[in-house]
Amino acid sequence: MPDTMTAAWTLDEVTALYHAPLLDLVFRAAQVHRQNNDPREVQLCTLASIKTGGCPEDCAYCPQSSRYDTFVDPEKMMKVDEVLADARAARDAGSTRFCMGAAWREATDGRAFERVLDMVRGVRDLGMEACCTLGMLSADQARRLAEAGLTAYNHNLDTSEEYYDNIITTRTYQDRLNTIQNVANAGISVCCGGILGMGEADADRIKLLHTLAHLDPQPESVPINALVPVDGTPLSDLPRVDPFDWVRAIAVTRILLPRAKVRLSAGRLEISPEAQALAFLAGANSIFTGEKLLTTANPEADVDHVLLNRLGLYSRAAGQAAPTHHVHATACAGTGKADADASPSFA
């Protein structure tokens, strides 16, 4: 069942929304964004790989899979003090969320998991939000992460359930949904999105967005990734995603999930500043910043700050309270289903 604060969308409604003329769609998404969020604020996040390479899964897009011959060499898990040094540097560069990723199929109990718990506690002590992406989680592991102070857990659905077996065979779509439910049941915010440009059809993108909108509760944040083709992986020869298709998915995400952080993630290095500006207009309000997203190149922090400044956008420092704004109360606020008031909601 969908979040009770948001009206349910049928698949036919999402399909019609997705196929709307692009500028009309962006305009509508911008209205929903202004009704539910500060349209000038962008959250800066940093994603670090705490255990790189050697993953036994066969995700067709991932250079960290042990099944493919790529540039990634397996590395040992980082020490707690090394991770916290990176987190401190990210905080000083403006990030408020620090996400730690390990190339595991699933988290296993033992010293490595205890080390992750120490990392989470340390990141929270720095005044930052702490996020992890560790593969599948049991209910007990989710509970322990919550007790350590974990803010959010990332576990992407990647694509539609129908297309999923073309990308991954070593875990099922239901496995992913089970982990998402374990995270939500533990009281941890869910970060869940997908990847565009893996050879999927528009129908698969529509079904993915429909599924995300009907998670209960809706994800707190939704990463929108554009495939970065990597030599040695099965998807290495695919073309880059069309930037307008990328913006279209962002706009639909904003309308379906009015209050979520819509996060520009992998592939952003290859997308022009002008297309990124259109994405911010369409409701994107978070980015990963820093040189890498796990193993994939990403725009450097100073480039991002220059872009945000040019667009009149800003980010809050860790621990800084949100400014007080007045949100217009309208009958359609939060749903995106009715025509929205075109005036900005934040004065």
C-alpha atoms as a PDB file:
ATOM      1  CA  MET A   1       0.000   0.000   0.000  1.00  0.00           C
ATOM      2  CA  PRO A   2       1.256   3.515  -0.713  1.00  0.00           C
ATOM      3  CA  ASP A   3       2.075   6.111   1.908  1.00  0.00           C
ATOM      4  CA  THR A   4      -1.287   7.388   3.190  1.00  0.00           C
ATOM      5  CA  MET A   5      -0.078  10.981   2.669  1.00  0.00           C
ATOM      6  CA  THR A   6       0.113  10.337  -1.073  1.00  0.00           C
ATOM      7  CA  ALA A   7      -2.727   9.320  -3.353  1.00  0.00           C
ATOM      8  CA  ALA A   8      -2.191   5.994  -5.098  1.00  0.00           C
ATOM      9  CA  TRP A   9      -1.142   6.131  -8.742  1.00  0.00           C
ATOM     10  CA  THR A  10      -2.253   3.431 -11.151  1.00  0.00           C
ATOM     11  CA  LEU A  11       0.210   2.090 -13.688  1.00  0.00           C
ATOM     12  CA  ASP A  12      -1.856   3.647 -16.482  1.00  0.00           C
ATOM     13  CA  GLU A  13      -1.673   7.045 -14.753  1.00  0.00           C
ATOM     14  CA  VAL A  14       2.104   6.789 -14.352  1.00  0.00           C
ATOM     15  CA  THR A  15       2.394   5.766 -18.005  1.00  0.00           C
ATOM     16  CA  ALA A  16       0.408   8.802 -19.140  1.00  0.00           C
ATOM     17  CA  LEU A  17       2.474  11.032 -16.873  1.00  0.00           C
ATOM     18  CA  TYR A  18       5.753   9.653 -18.203  1.00  0.00           C
ATOM     19  CA  HIS A  19       4.710  10.237 -21.825  1.00  0.00           C
ATOM     20  CA  ALA A  20       3.580  13.840 -21.280  1.00  0.00           C
ATOM     21  CA  PRO A  21       5.369  16.525 -23.339  1.00  0.00           C
ATOM     22  CA  LEU A  22       8.695  17.042 -21.595  1.00  0.00           C
ATOM     23  CA  LEU A  23       8.412  20.750 -20.817  1.00  0.00           C
ATOM     24  CA  ASP A  24       4.864  20.322 -19.531  1.00  0.00           C
ATOM     25  CA  LEU A  25       6.113  17.480 -17.343  1.00  0.00           C
ATOM     26  CA  VAL A  26       9.023  19.536 -15.993  1.00  0.00           C
ATOM     27  CA  PHE A  27       6.688  22.460 -15.267  1.00  0.00           C
ATOM     28  CA  ARG A  28       4.308  20.223 -13.352  1.00  0.00           C
ATOM     29  CA  ALA A  29       7.155  18.602 -11.417  1.00  0.00           C
ATOM     30  CA  ALA A  30       8.544  22.037 -10.537  1.00  0.00           C
ATOM     31  CA  GLN A  31       5.179  23.010  -9.079  1.00  0.00           C
ATOM     32  CA  VAL A  32       5.028  19.867  -6.938  1.00  0.00           C
ATOM     33  CA  HIS A  33       8.617  20.447  -5.844  1.00  0.00           C
ATOM     34  CA  ARG A  34       7.854  23.988  -4.695  1.00  0.00           C
ATOM     35  CA  GLN A  35       4.800  22.864  -2.785  1.00  0.00           C
ATOM     36  CA  ASN A  36       6.733  20.298  -0.790  1.00  0.00           C
ATOM     37  CA  ASN A  37      10.382  21.399  -0.594  1.00  0.00           C
ATOM     38  CA  ASP A  38      12.663  24.401  -0.610  1.00  0.00           C
ATOM     39  CA  PRO A  39      13.397  24.565  -4.366  1.00  0.00           C
ATOM     40  CA  ARG A  40      16.772  26.239  -3.783  1.00  0.00           C
ATOM     41  CA  GLU A  41      18.197  23.730  -1.318  1.00  0.00           C
ATOM     42  CA  VAL A  42      20.327  20.814  -2.528  1.00  0.00           C
ATOM     43  CA  GLN A  43      21.698  18.224  -0.121  1.00  0.00           C
ATOM     44  CA  LEU A  44      25.327  17.265  -0.713  1.00  0.00           C
ATOM     45  CA  CYS A  45      26.197  13.618  -0.039  1.00  0.00           C
ATOM     46  CA  THR A  46      29.408  11.629  -0.281  1.00  0.00           C
ATOM     47  CA  LEU A  47      29.597   7.926  -1.150  1.00  0.00           C
ATOM     48  CA  ALA A  48      32.711   5.995  -0.123  1.00  0.00           C
ATOM     49  CA  SER A  49      33.691   2.415  -0.880  1.00  0.00           C
ATOM     50  CA  ILE A  50      34.700   0.787   2.413  1.00  0.00           C
ATOM     51  CA  LYS A  51      35.170  -2.657   0.809  1.00  0.00           C
ATOM     52  CA  THR A  52      35.955  -2.593  -2.905  1.00  0.00           C
ATOM     53  CA  GLY A  53      35.717  -5.422  -5.429  1.00  0.00           C
ATOM     54  CA  GLY A  54      35.415  -9.176  -5.168  1.00  0.00           C
ATOM     55  CA  CYS A  55      31.610  -9.248  -5.111  1.00  0.00           C
ATOM     56  CA  PRO A  56      30.178 -12.682  -6.051  1.00  0.00           C
ATOM     57  CA  GLU A  57      27.051 -11.219  -7.679  1.00  0.00           C
ATOM     58  CA  ASP A  58      26.624 -10.929 -11.443  1.00  0.00           C
ATOM     59  CA  CYS A  59      25.092  -7.429 -11.724  1.00  0.00           C
ATOM     60  CA  ALA A  60      25.714  -6.717 -15.399  1.00  0.00           C
ATOM     61  CA  TYR A  61      26.565  -3.045 -14.819  1.00  0.00           C
ATOM     62  CA  CYS A  62      29.029  -3.460 -11.957  1.00  0.00           C
ATOM     63  CA  PRO A  63      32.835  -3.450 -12.295  1.00  0.00           C
ATOM     64  CA  GLN A  64      33.139  -4.767  -8.726  1.00  0.00           C
ATOM     65  CA  SER A  65      31.764  -8.187  -9.676  1.00  0.00           C
ATOM     66  CA  SER A  66      34.358 -10.960  -9.406  1.00  0.00           C
ATOM     67  CA  ARG A  67      32.822 -12.519 -12.531  1.00  0.00           C
ATOM     68  CA  TYR A  68      34.092  -9.765 -14.851  1.00  0.00           C
ATOM     69  CA  ASP A  69      37.563  -8.672 -15.890  1.00  0.00           C
ATOM     70  CA  THR A  70      37.535  -4.937 -15.148  1.00  0.00           C
ATOM     71  CA  PHE A  71      39.887  -2.271 -13.822  1.00  0.00           C
ATOM     72  CA  VAL A  72      38.761  -2.947 -10.239  1.00  0.00           C
ATOM     73  CA  ASP A  73      41.047  -5.043  -8.045  1.00  0.00           C
ATOM     74  CA  PRO A  74      39.663  -6.468  -4.783  1.00  0.00           C
ATOM     75  CA  GLU A  75      40.762  -4.568  -1.696  1.00  0.00           C
ATOM     76  CA  LYS A  76      40.580  -5.237   2.024  1.00  0.00           C
ATOM     77  CA  MET A  77      37.950  -3.534   4.107  1.00  0.00           C
ATOM     78  CA  MET A  78      38.968  -0.081   5.290  1.00  0.00           C
ATOM     79  CA  LYS A  79      39.736   0.598   8.931  1.00  0.00           C
ATOM     80  CA  VAL A  80      37.357   2.665  11.017  1.00  0.00           C
ATOM     81  CA  ASP A  81      39.748   5.582  11.455  1.00  0.00           C
ATOM     82  CA  GLU A  82      40.379   5.740   7.691  1.00  0.00           C
ATOM     83  CA  VAL A  83      36.662   5.906   6.953  1.00  0.00           C
ATOM     84  CA  LEU A  84      36.064   8.562   9.595  1.00  0.00           C
ATOM     85  CA  ALA A  85      38.905  10.652   8.176  1.00  0.00           C
ATOM     86  CA  ASP A  86      37.155  10.524   4.796  1.00  0.00           C
ATOM     87  CA  ALA A  87      33.849  11.401   6.429  1.00  0.00           C
ATOM     88  CA  ARG A  88      35.393  14.375   8.205  1.00  0.00           C
ATOM     89  CA  ALA A  89      36.850  15.632   4.904  1.00  0.00           C
ATOM     90  CA  ALA A  90      33.443  15.200   3.240  1.00  0.00           C
ATOM     91  CA  ARG A  91      31.765  17.159   6.027  1.00  0.00           C
ATOM     92  CA  ASP A  92      34.317  19.951   5.714  1.00  0.00           C
ATOM     93  CA  ALA A  93      33.618  20.048   1.949  1.00  0.00           C
ATOM     94  CA  GLY A  94      29.904  20.564   2.610  1.00  0.00           C
ATOM     95  CA  SER A  95      28.393  17.066   2.658  1.00  0.00           C
ATOM     96  CA  THR A  96      25.742  16.360   5.264  1.00  0.00           C
ATOM     97  CA  ARG A  97      25.301  12.639   4.484  1.00  0.00           C
ATOM     98  CA  PHE A  98      28.114  10.103   4.313  1.00  0.00           C
ATOM     99  CA  CYS A  99      27.251   6.790   2.676  1.00  0.00           C
ATOM    100  CA  MET A 100      29.439   3.704   3.088  1.00  0.00           C
ATOM    101  CA  GLY A 101      29.289   0.977   0.462  1.00  0.00           C
ATOM    102  CA  ALA A 102      30.692  -2.548   0.654  1.00  0.00           C
ATOM    103  CA  ALA A 103      30.863  -4.925  -2.316  1.00  0.00           C
ATOM    104  CA  TRP A 104      29.019  -7.694  -0.535  1.00  0.00           C
ATOM    105  CA  ARG A 105      26.125  -9.850  -1.685  1.00  0.00           C
ATOM    106  CA  GLU A 106      24.838  -9.661   1.851  1.00  0.00           C
ATOM    107  CA  ALA A 107      26.023  -8.443   5.221  1.00  0.00           C
ATOM    108  CA  THR A 108      27.336 -11.234   7.444  1.00  0.00           C
ATOM    109  CA  ASP A 109      27.609 -11.187  11.205  1.00  0.00           C
ATOM    110  CA  GLY A 110      31.098 -10.986  12.647  1.00  0.00           C
ATOM    111  CA  ARG A 111      34.023  -8.579  12.887  1.00  0.00           C
ATOM    112  CA  ALA A 112      33.382  -6.883   9.550  1.00  0.00           C
ATOM    113  CA  PHE A 113      29.796  -6.031  10.497  1.00  0.00           C
ATOM    114  CA  GLU A 114      30.906  -4.830  13.938  1.00  0.00           C
ATOM    115  CA  ARG A 115      33.376  -2.556  12.168  1.00  0.00           C
ATOM    116  CA  VAL A 116      30.544  -1.119  10.081  1.00  0.00           C
ATOM    117  CA  LEU A 117      28.587  -0.403  13.270  1.00  0.00           C
ATOM    118  CA  ASP A 118      31.598   1.487  14.636  1.00  0.00           C
ATOM    119  CA  MET A 119      31.802   3.475  11.396  1.00  0.00           C
ATOM    120  CA  VAL A 120      28.127   4.405  11.665  1.00  0.00           C
ATOM    121  CA  ARG A 121      28.559   5.579  15.253  1.00  0.00           C
ATOM    122  CA  GLY A 122      31.617   7.597  14.276  1.00  0.00           C
ATOM    123  CA  VAL A 123      29.912   9.309  11.332  1.00  0.00           C
ATOM    124  CA  ARG A 124      26.965  10.268  13.534  1.00  0.00           C
ATOM    125  CA  ASP A 125      29.393  11.659  16.144  1.00  0.00           C
ATOM    126  CA  LEU A 126      30.695  13.961  13.385  1.00  0.00           C
ATOM    127  CA  GLY A 127      27.213  15.466  13.140  1.00  0.00           C
ATOM    128  CA  MET A 128      26.484  13.847   9.771  1.00  0.00           C
ATOM    129  CA  GLU A 129      23.751  11.583   8.503  1.00  0.00           C
ATOM    130  CA  ALA A 130      25.066   8.022   8.090  1.00  0.00           C
ATOM    131  CA  CYS A 131      24.010   5.782   5.221  1.00  0.00           C
ATOM    132  CA  CYS A 132      25.128   2.267   4.280  1.00  0.00           C
ATOM    133  CA  THR A 133      24.752   0.015   1.266  1.00  0.00           C
ATOM    134  CA  LEU A 134      25.939  -3.481   2.164  1.00  0.00           C
ATOM    135  CA  GLY A 135      23.743  -5.768   0.093  1.00  0.00           C
ATOM    136  CA  MET A 136      21.003  -7.848   1.643  1.00  0.00           C
ATOM    137  CA  LEU A 137      20.208  -7.410   5.344  1.00  0.00           C
ATOM    138  CA  SER A 138      18.407  -9.582   7.849  1.00  0.00           C
ATOM    139  CA  ALA A 139      15.865  -8.070  10.212  1.00  0.00           C
ATOM    140  CA  ASP A 140      18.315  -8.406  13.114  1.00  0.00           C
ATOM    141  CA  GLN A 141      21.128  -6.696  11.194  1.00  0.00           C
ATOM    142  CA  ALA A 142      18.805  -3.823  10.311  1.00  0.00           C
ATOM    143  CA  ARG A 143      17.865  -3.512  13.981  1.00  0.00           C
ATOM    144  CA  ARG A 144      21.532  -3.355  15.022  1.00  0.00           C
ATOM    145  CA  LEU A 145      22.281  -0.708  12.396  1.00  0.00           C
ATOM    146  CA  ALA A 146      19.346   1.318  13.688  1.00  0.00           C
ATOM    147  CA  GLU A 147      20.644   1.044  17.244  1.00  0.00           C
ATOM    148  CA  ALA A 148      24.053   2.287  16.049  1.00  0.00           C
ATOM    149  CA  GLY A 149      22.324   5.385  14.662  1.00  0.00           C
ATOM    150  CA  LEU A 150      22.106   4.634  10.949  1.00  0.00           C
ATOM    151  CA  THR A 151      20.091   7.329   9.193  1.00  0.00           C
ATOM    152  CA  ALA A 152      19.366   5.596   5.900  1.00  0.00           C
ATOM    153  CA  TYR A 153      20.048   2.374   4.040  1.00  0.00           C
ATOM    154  CA  ASN A 154      20.483   2.272   0.274  1.00  0.00           C
ATOM    155  CA  HIS A 155      19.171  -0.748  -1.591  1.00  0.00           C
ATOM    156  CA  ASN A 156      18.228   0.021  -5.176  1.00  0.00           C
ATOM    157  CA  LEU A 157      15.663  -1.933  -7.176  1.00  0.00           C
ATOM    158  CA  ASP A 158      17.702  -1.043 -10.289  1.00  0.00           C
ATOM    159  CA  THR A 159      14.938  -1.673 -12.850  1.00  0.00           C
ATOM    160  CA  SER A 160      11.482  -3.196 -13.265  1.00  0.00           C
ATOM    161  CA  GLU A 161      10.710  -6.642 -11.907  1.00  0.00           C
ATOM    162  CA  GLU A 162      10.059  -7.831 -15.469  1.00  0.00           C
ATOM    163  CA  TYR A 163      13.486  -6.711 -16.767  1.00  0.00           C
ATOM    164  CA  TYR A 164      15.430  -7.590 -13.629  1.00  0.00           C
ATOM    165  CA  ASP A 165      16.592 -11.069 -14.719  1.00  0.00           C
ATOM    166  CA  ASN A 166      18.334  -9.493 -17.732  1.00  0.00           C
ATOM    167  CA  ILE A 167      20.591  -7.609 -15.331  1.00  0.00           C
ATOM    168  CA  ILE A 168      21.007  -9.822 -12.239  1.00  0.00           C
ATOM    169  CA  THR A 169      20.504 -13.552 -11.663  1.00  0.00           C
ATOM    170  CA  THR A 170      22.254 -14.063  -8.321  1.00  0.00           C
ATOM    171  CA  ARG A 171      19.445 -12.558  -6.228  1.00  0.00           C
ATOM    172  CA  THR A 172      15.790 -12.027  -6.873  1.00  0.00           C
ATOM    173  CA  TYR A 173      13.646  -8.925  -6.986  1.00  0.00           C
ATOM    174  CA  GLN A 174      11.842 -10.223  -3.926  1.00  0.00           C
ATOM    175  CA  ASP A 175      15.191 -10.482  -2.106  1.00  0.00           C
ATOM    176  CA  ARG A 176      15.603  -6.760  -2.660  1.00  0.00           C
ATOM    177  CA  LEU A 177      12.079  -6.005  -1.492  1.00  0.00           C
ATOM    178  CA  ASN A 178      12.640  -8.116   1.627  1.00  0.00           C
ATOM    179  CA  THR A 179      15.723  -6.105   2.577  1.00  0.00           C
ATOM    180  CA  ILE A 180      13.871  -2.841   1.990  1.00  0.00           C
ATOM    181  CA  GLN A 181      11.090  -4.042   4.291  1.00  0.00           C
ATOM    182  CA  ASN A 182      13.589  -5.112   6.981  1.00  0.00           C
ATOM    183  CA  VAL A 183      15.144  -1.645   6.846  1.00  0.00           C
ATOM    184  CA  ALA A 184      11.785   0.120   7.080  1.00  0.00           C
ATOM    185  CA  ASN A 185      10.630  -2.130   9.930  1.00  0.00           C
ATOM    186  CA  ALA A 186      13.761  -1.196  11.893  1.00  0.00           C
ATOM    187  CA  GLY A 187      12.895   2.505  11.600  1.00  0.00           C
ATOM    188  CA  ILE A 188      15.713   3.329   9.183  1.00  0.00           C
ATOM    189  CA  SER A 189      14.959   5.611   6.236  1.00  0.00           C
ATOM    190  CA  VAL A 190      14.934   3.797   2.901  1.00  0.00           C
ATOM    191  CA  CYS A 191      17.095   5.066   0.039  1.00  0.00           C
ATOM    192  CA  CYS A 192      15.980   3.270  -3.116  1.00  0.00           C
ATOM    193  CA  GLY A 193      16.203   4.104  -6.800  1.00  0.00           C
ATOM    194  CA  GLY A 194      17.318   2.697 -10.104  1.00  0.00           C
ATOM    195  CA  ILE A 195      19.600   2.850 -13.118  1.00  0.00           C
ATOM    196  CA  LEU A 196      18.651   4.196 -16.536  1.00  0.00           C
ATOM    197  CA  GLY A 197      20.252   3.064 -19.780  1.00  0.00           C
ATOM    198  CA  MET A 198      20.704  -0.686 -19.200  1.00  0.00           C
ATOM    199  CA  GLY A 199      18.805  -1.607 -22.365  1.00  0.00           C
ATOM    200  CA  GLU A 200      15.399  -1.386 -20.691  1.00  0.00           C
ATOM    201  CA  ALA A 201      12.284  -0.082 -22.413  1.00  0.00           C
ATOM    202  CA  ASP A 202      10.257   2.936 -21.337  1.00  0.00           C
ATOM    203  CA  ALA A 203       7.736   0.481 -19.859  1.00  0.00           C
ATOM    204  CA  ASP A 204      10.424  -0.820 -17.504  1.00  0.00           C
ATOM    205  CA  ARG A 205      11.295   2.682 -16.314  1.00  0.00           C
ATOM    206  CA  ILE A 206       7.610   3.379 -15.753  1.00  0.00           C
ATOM    207  CA  LYS A 207       7.121   0.160 -13.772  1.00  0.00           C
ATOM    208  CA  LEU A 208      10.204   0.889 -11.656  1.00  0.00           C
ATOM    209  CA  LEU A 209       8.908   4.363 -10.755  1.00  0.00           C
ATOM    210  CA  HIS A 210       5.441   2.950 -10.078  1.00  0.00           C
ATOM    211  CA  THR A 211       6.955   0.366  -7.713  1.00  0.00           C
ATOM    212  CA  LEU A 212       9.024   2.984  -5.871  1.00  0.00           C
ATOM    213  CA  ALA A 213       5.961   5.177  -5.384  1.00  0.00           C
ATOM    214  CA  HIS A 214       4.049   2.286  -3.832  1.00  0.00           C
ATOM    215  CA  LEU A 215       6.661   1.177  -1.313  1.00  0.00           C
ATOM    216  CA  ASP A 216       5.345   1.578   2.221  1.00  0.00           C
ATOM    217  CA  PRO A 217       6.673   3.890   3.444  1.00  0.00           C
ATOM    218  CA  GLN A 218       7.839   5.713   0.356  1.00  0.00           C
ATOM    219  CA  PRO A 219      11.634   6.017   0.098  1.00  0.00           C
ATOM    220  CA  GLU A 220      13.130   9.002   1.897  1.00  0.00           C
ATOM    221  CA  SER A 221      15.571   9.382  -0.978  1.00  0.00           C
ATOM    222  CA  VAL A 222      15.611   8.147  -4.581  1.00  0.00           C
ATOM    223  CA  PRO A 223      18.937   7.958  -6.448  1.00  0.00           C
ATOM    224  CA  ILE A 224      18.532   8.306 -10.212  1.00  0.00           C
ATOM    225  CA  ASN A 225      21.575   6.708 -11.842  1.00  0.00           C
ATOM    226  CA  ALA A 226      22.581   6.829 -15.494  1.00  0.00           C
ATOM    227  CA  LEU A 227      24.541   3.772 -16.565  1.00  0.00           C
ATOM    228  CA  VAL A 228      28.279   4.299 -16.861  1.00  0.00           C
ATOM    229  CA  PRO A 229      29.362   1.549 -19.300  1.00  0.00           C
ATOM    230  CA  VAL A 230      32.538  -0.127 -18.019  1.00  0.00           C
ATOM    231  CA  ASP A 231      34.902  -2.241 -20.123  1.00  0.00           C
ATOM    232  CA  GLY A 232      34.690  -5.876 -19.103  1.00  0.00           C
ATOM    233  CA  THR A 233      31.057  -5.783 -17.994  1.00  0.00           C
ATOM    234  CA  PRO A 234      28.195  -7.171 -20.122  1.00  0.00           C
ATOM    235  CA  LEU A 235      26.785  -3.664 -20.615  1.00  0.00           C
ATOM    236  CA  SER A 236      30.049  -2.085 -21.756  1.00  0.00           C
ATOM    237  CA  ASP A 237      28.861  -1.397 -25.324  1.00  0.00           C
ATOM    238  CA  LEU A 238      25.600   0.364 -24.465  1.00  0.00           C
ATOM    239  CA  PRO A 239      25.213   4.040 -25.394  1.00  0.00           C
ATOM    240  CA  ARG A 240      24.891   6.739 -22.763  1.00  0.00           C
ATOM    241  CA  VAL A 241      21.374   7.536 -21.649  1.00  0.00           C
ATOM    242  CA  ASP A 242      19.708  10.475 -23.405  1.00  0.00           C
ATOM    243  CA  PRO A 243      19.831  13.477 -21.021  1.00  0.00           C
ATOM    244  CA  PHE A 244      16.207  14.315 -21.798  1.00  0.00           C
ATOM    245  CA  ASP A 245      15.185  10.774 -20.816  1.00  0.00           C
ATOM    246  CA  TRP A 246      17.143  11.276 -17.592  1.00  0.00           C
ATOM    247  CA  VAL A 247      15.302  14.548 -16.869  1.00  0.00           C
ATOM    248  CA  ARG A 248      11.979  12.905 -17.712  1.00  0.00           C
ATOM    249  CA  ALA A 249      12.554  10.171 -15.113  1.00  0.00           C
ATOM    250  CA  ILE A 250      13.552  12.773 -12.523  1.00  0.00           C
ATOM    251  CA  ALA A 251      10.411  14.816 -13.145  1.00  0.00           C
ATOM    252  CA  VAL A 252       8.144  11.778 -12.826  1.00  0.00           C
ATOM    253  CA  THR A 253       9.953  10.744  -9.648  1.00  0.00           C
ATOM    254  CA  ARG A 254       9.339  14.167  -8.116  1.00  0.00           C
ATOM    255  CA  ILE A 255       5.632  14.059  -8.911  1.00  0.00           C
ATOM    256  CA  LEU A 256       5.189  10.510  -7.593  1.00  0.00           C
ATOM    257  CA  LEU A 257       7.327  11.051  -4.471  1.00  0.00           C
ATOM    258  CA  PRO A 258       6.742  14.701  -3.570  1.00  0.00           C
ATOM    259  CA  ARG A 259       8.777  14.819  -0.360  1.00  0.00           C
ATOM    260  CA  ALA A 260      11.653  12.488  -1.209  1.00  0.00           C
ATOM    261  CA  LYS A 261      15.195  13.599  -1.834  1.00  0.00           C
ATOM    262  CA  VAL A 262      15.612  12.980  -5.569  1.00  0.00           C
ATOM    263  CA  ARG A 263      19.340  12.401  -5.855  1.00  0.00           C
ATOM    264  CA  LEU A 264      21.446  12.815  -8.997  1.00  0.00           C
ATOM    265  CA  SER A 265      23.843   9.899  -8.817  1.00  0.00           C
ATOM    266  CA  ALA A 266      26.060   7.868 -11.170  1.00  0.00           C
ATOM    267  CA  GLY A 267      26.620   9.137 -14.685  1.00  0.00           C
ATOM    268  CA  ARG A 268      26.370  12.818 -13.829  1.00  0.00           C
ATOM    269  CA  LEU A 269      29.950  13.483 -14.984  1.00  0.00           C
ATOM    270  CA  GLU A 270      28.824  12.918 -18.593  1.00  0.00           C
ATOM    271  CA  ILE A 271      25.724  15.134 -18.331  1.00  0.00           C
ATOM    272  CA  SER A 272      25.984  18.802 -19.258  1.00  0.00           C
ATOM    273  CA  PRO A 273      25.481  21.591 -16.702  1.00  0.00           C
ATOM    274  CA  GLU A 274      22.468  22.734 -18.721  1.00  0.00           C
ATOM    275  CA  ALA A 275      20.789  19.315 -18.428  1.00  0.00           C
ATOM    276  CA  GLN A 276      21.593  19.235 -14.727  1.00  0.00           C
ATOM    277  CA  ALA A 277      19.983  22.659 -14.337  1.00  0.00           C
ATOM    278  CA  LEU A 278      16.823  21.293 -15.971  1.00  0.00           C
ATOM    279  CA  ALA A 279      16.954  18.337 -13.558  1.00  0.00           C
ATOM    280  CA  PHE A 280      17.086  20.690 -10.569  1.00  0.00           C
ATOM    281  CA  LEU A 281      14.119  22.587 -11.981  1.00  0.00           C
ATOM    282  CA  ALA A 282      12.286  19.274 -12.336  1.00  0.00           C
ATOM    283  CA  GLY A 283      12.737  18.517  -8.651  1.00  0.00           C
ATOM    284  CA  ALA A 284      16.174  17.012  -8.071  1.00  0.00           C
ATOM    285  CA  ASN A 285      17.381  18.229  -4.685  1.00  0.00           C
ATOM    286  CA  SER A 286      20.377  16.122  -3.759  1.00  0.00           C
ATOM    287  CA  ILE A 287      23.662  15.143  -5.396  1.00  0.00           C
ATOM    288  CA  PHE A 288      26.592  12.906  -4.689  1.00  0.00           C
ATOM    289  CA  THR A 289      29.708  15.006  -4.657  1.00  0.00           C
ATOM    290  CA  GLY A 290      33.375  13.999  -4.581  1.00  0.00           C
ATOM    291  CA  GLU A 291      35.778  12.382  -6.996  1.00  0.00           C
ATOM    292  CA  LYS A 292      34.181   8.905  -6.997  1.00  0.00           C
ATOM    293  CA  LEU A 293      30.934   7.040  -6.454  1.00  0.00           C
ATOM    294  CA  LEU A 294      32.410   3.769  -5.159  1.00  0.00           C
ATOM    295  CA  THR A 295      34.583   3.121  -8.260  1.00  0.00           C
ATOM    296  CA  THR A 296      32.886   5.405 -10.818  1.00  0.00           C
ATOM    297  CA  ALA A 297      34.186   8.879 -11.626  1.00  0.00           C
ATOM    298  CA  ASN A 298      32.094  11.797 -10.388  1.00  0.00           C
ATOM    299  CA  PRO A 299      32.319  15.609 -10.644  1.00  0.00           C
ATOM    300  CA  GLU A 300      34.677  17.046  -8.040  1.00  0.00           C
ATOM    301  CA  ALA A 301      33.292  19.078  -5.151  1.00  0.00           C
ATOM    302  CA  ASP A 302      34.509  22.444  -6.408  1.00  0.00           C
ATOM    303  CA  VAL A 303      32.825  21.873  -9.789  1.00  0.00           C
ATOM    304  CA  ASP A 304      29.551  21.143  -8.016  1.00  0.00           C
ATOM    305  CA  HIS A 305      29.807  24.246  -5.837  1.00  0.00           C
ATOM    306  CA  VAL A 306      30.414  26.401  -8.904  1.00  0.00           C
ATOM    307  CA  LEU A 307      27.355  24.930 -10.634  1.00  0.00           C
ATOM    308  CA  LEU A 308      25.107  25.385  -7.586  1.00  0.00           C
ATOM    309  CA  ASN A 309      26.276  28.980  -7.181  1.00  0.00           C
ATOM    310  CA  ARG A 310      25.598  29.752 -10.842  1.00  0.00           C
ATOM    311  CA  LEU A 311      22.069  28.383 -10.476  1.00  0.00           C
ATOM    312  CA  GLY A 312      21.347  30.222  -7.235  1.00  0.00           C
ATOM    313  CA  LEU A 313      21.097  26.981  -5.259  1.00  0.00           C
ATOM    314  CA  TYR A 314      22.590  26.317  -1.850  1.00  0.00           C
ATOM    315  CA  SER A 315      23.392  23.505   0.565  1.00  0.00           C
ATOM    316  CA  ARG A 316      23.289  23.441   4.343  1.00  0.00           C
ATOM    317  CA  ALA A 317      26.283  22.474   6.445  1.00  0.00           C
ATOM    318  CA  ALA A 318      26.096  19.453   8.752  1.00  0.00           C
ATOM    319  CA  GLY A 319      24.118  20.325  11.855  1.00  0.00           C
ATOM    320  CA  GLN A 320      22.718  23.548  10.396  1.00  0.00           C
ATOM    321  CA  ALA A 321      18.974  23.916  10.924  1.00  0.00           C
ATOM    322  CA  ALA A 322      16.678  24.324   7.965  1.00  0.00           C
ATOM    323  CA  PRO A 323      15.443  27.861   7.340  1.00  0.00           C
ATOM    324  CA  THR A 324      11.856  28.551   8.290  1.00  0.00           C
ATOM    325  CA  HIS A 325       9.577  28.640   5.257  1.00  0.00           C
ATOM    326  CA  HIS A 326       5.882  28.912   4.682  1.00  0.00           C
ATOM    327  CA  VAL A 327       4.379  26.091   2.642  1.00  0.00           C
ATOM    328  CA  HIS A 328       1.125  26.906   0.839  1.00  0.00           C
ATOM    329  CA  ALA A 329      -1.615  24.526   1.923  1.00  0.00           C
ATOM    330  CA  THR A 330      -3.490  23.307  -1.122  1.00  0.00           C
ATOM    331  CA  ALA A 331      -5.882  20.467  -1.668  1.00  0.00           C
ATOM    332  CA  CYS A 332      -3.512  18.820  -4.107  1.00  0.00           C
ATOM    333  CA  ALA A 333      -0.284  19.357  -2.162  1.00  0.00           C
ATOM    334  CA  GLY A 334       1.769  16.206  -2.003  1.00  0.00           C
ATOM    335  CA  THR A 335      -0.029  14.265  -4.709  1.00  0.00           C
ATOM    336  CA  GLY A 336       0.855  15.999  -7.950  1.00  0.00           C
ATOM    337  CA  LYS A 337      -2.433  14.669  -9.350  1.00  0.00           C
ATOM    338  CA  ALA A 338      -4.256  17.982  -9.579  1.00  0.00           C
ATOM    339  CA  ASP A 339      -3.104  21.181 -11.184  1.00  0.00           C
ATOM    340  CA  ALA A 340      -0.742  22.903  -8.740  1.00  0.00           C
ATOM    341  CA  ASP A 341      -0.473  26.548  -7.780  1.00  0.00           C
ATOM    342  CA  ALA A 342       2.242  27.890 -10.063  1.00  0.00           C
ATOM    343  CA  SER A 343       3.536  30.355  -7.492  1.00  0.00           C
ATOM    344  CA  PRO A 344       6.583  29.370  -5.406  1.00  0.00           C
ATOM    345  CA  SER A 345       5.661  27.812  -2.080  1.00  0.00           C
ATOM    346  CA  PHE A 346       8.702  29.169  -0.266  1.00  0.00           C
ATOM    347  CA  ALA A 347       8.938  32.859   0.479  1.00  0.00           C
END
